[in-house]
């Protein structure tokens, strides 16, 4: 769903006047790589972009190492940093003001 929604958003921007093209050639190549990655083993990754050409890839823990190796192999000369994030424990209470003060 992320991939489909992102592609629809980009198509809408291109259909505006004047057209807004925020994805770079590398962005398009990365999208193609994710589609090839998924073709090689089923739906294992997705992508989206921020308000510019910066990609965010999504996958599960089981496919992280494989996806990272694809990115590093295909984009070694163009990717400056790969940041790997995991689901945390959730929000933490920093200051408990007590319900009686709400």
Protein backbone atom coordinates (compact mmCIF):
# COMPACT_ATOMS: atom_id res chain seq x y z
CA UNK A 1 0.00 0.00 0.00
CA UNK A 2 2.87 2.42 0.75
CA UNK A 3 4.38 1.89 -2.70
CA UNK A 4 1.03 2.35 -4.43
CA UNK A 5 0.12 5.49 -2.46
CA UNK A 6 3.55 7.03 -3.05
CA UNK A 7 3.36 6.35 -6.79
CA UNK A 8 -0.13 7.87 -6.97
CA UNK A 9 1.08 10.99 -5.14
CA UNK A 10 3.99 11.40 -7.52
CA UNK A 11 1.72 10.91 -10.55
CA UNK A 12 -0.59 13.64 -9.21
CA UNK A 13 2.37 16.03 -8.85
CA UNK A 14 3.48 15.30 -12.41
CA UNK A 15 -0.08 15.92 -13.66
CA UNK A 16 -0.23 19.39 -12.10
CA UNK A 17 0.68 22.56 -13.97
CA UNK A 18 3.45 23.33 -13.88
CA UNK A 19 4.48 19.72 -13.25
CA UNK A 20 6.26 19.02 -9.98
CA UNK A 21 8.98 16.39 -10.37
CA UNK A 22 10.70 15.83 -7.05
CA UNK A 23 12.08 12.33 -7.63
CA UNK A 24 15.59 12.05 -9.03
CA UNK A 25 17.01 9.48 -11.43
CA UNK A 26 18.41 7.66 -8.39
CA UNK A 27 14.92 7.70 -6.81
CA UNK A 28 13.49 5.96 -9.88
CA UNK A 29 16.35 3.45 -9.92
CA UNK A 30 15.76 2.67 -6.25
CA UNK A 31 12.06 2.07 -6.91
CA UNK A 32 13.05 -0.34 -9.69
CA UNK A 33 15.47 -2.12 -7.36
CA UNK A 34 12.72 -2.63 -4.75
CA UNK A 35 10.43 -4.09 -7.43
CA UNK A 36 13.22 -6.45 -8.56
CA UNK A 37 13.93 -7.38 -4.92
CA UNK A 38 10.26 -8.29 -4.48
CA UNK A 39 10.14 -10.18 -7.81
CA UNK A 40 12.98 -12.37 -6.57
CA UNK A 41 11.10 -13.55 -3.48
CA UNK A 42 7.62 -12.09 -3.01
CA UNK A 43 6.56 -8.88 -1.30
CA UNK A 44 9.50 -8.29 1.04
CA UNK A 45 10.00 -4.53 0.91
CA UNK A 46 8.24 -1.25 0.24
CA UNK A 47 9.31 2.36 -0.22
CA UNK A 48 8.12 5.89 0.22
CA UNK A 49 9.76 9.31 -0.11
CA UNK A 50 9.83 12.43 2.00
CA UNK A 51 8.92 15.76 0.39
CA UNK A 52 11.95 15.33 -1.85
CA UNK A 53 13.99 12.54 -3.42
CA UNK A 54 14.99 10.88 -0.12
CA UNK A 55 13.82 7.28 0.05
CA UNK A 56 12.60 5.33 3.04
CA UNK A 57 12.57 1.56 2.62
CA UNK A 58 10.44 -0.76 4.73
CA UNK A 59 10.95 -4.46 5.34
CA UNK A 60 10.72 -7.01 8.13
CA UNK A 61 13.58 -8.16 10.35
CA UNK A 62 13.78 -11.40 8.35
CA UNK A 63 14.65 -9.50 5.14
CA UNK A 64 16.72 -6.58 6.50
CA UNK A 65 20.18 -8.03 5.77
CA UNK A 66 19.19 -9.12 2.26
CA UNK A 67 17.65 -5.72 1.41
CA UNK A 68 20.67 -3.88 2.84
CA UNK A 69 23.02 -5.95 0.64
CA UNK A 70 20.93 -5.12 -2.45
CA UNK A 71 21.07 -1.38 -1.64
CA UNK A 72 24.79 -1.42 -0.91
CA UNK A 73 25.54 -3.39 -4.10
CA UNK A 74 23.38 -1.35 -6.47
CA UNK A 75 23.91 2.11 -4.96
CA UNK A 76 27.39 1.95 -3.38
CA UNK A 77 28.49 5.11 -5.21
CA UNK A 78 25.29 7.13 -4.56
CA UNK A 79 23.99 6.28 -1.08
CA UNK A 80 25.70 8.27 1.64
CA UNK A 81 24.09 6.58 4.62
CA UNK A 82 21.83 3.64 5.47
CA UNK A 83 20.04 4.00 8.80
CA UNK A 84 18.43 0.86 10.15
CA UNK A 85 15.53 1.40 12.57
CA UNK A 86 13.54 -1.06 14.62
CA UNK A 87 10.24 -0.89 16.44
CA UNK A 88 10.82 0.36 19.96
CA UNK A 89 9.02 -0.25 23.22
CA UNK A 90 6.56 2.58 22.58
CA UNK A 91 6.09 5.99 24.21
CA UNK A 92 7.56 6.56 27.64
CA UNK A 93 6.19 8.83 30.35
CA UNK A 94 8.86 11.45 31.05
CA UNK A 95 6.97 13.45 33.68
CA UNK A 96 3.98 12.09 35.57
CA UNK A 97 1.89 15.13 36.58
CA UNK A 98 -0.87 12.96 38.05
CA UNK A 99 -4.47 12.69 36.92
CA UNK A 100 -5.70 15.06 39.63
CA UNK A 101 -3.81 17.95 37.94
CA UNK A 102 -5.33 17.45 34.49
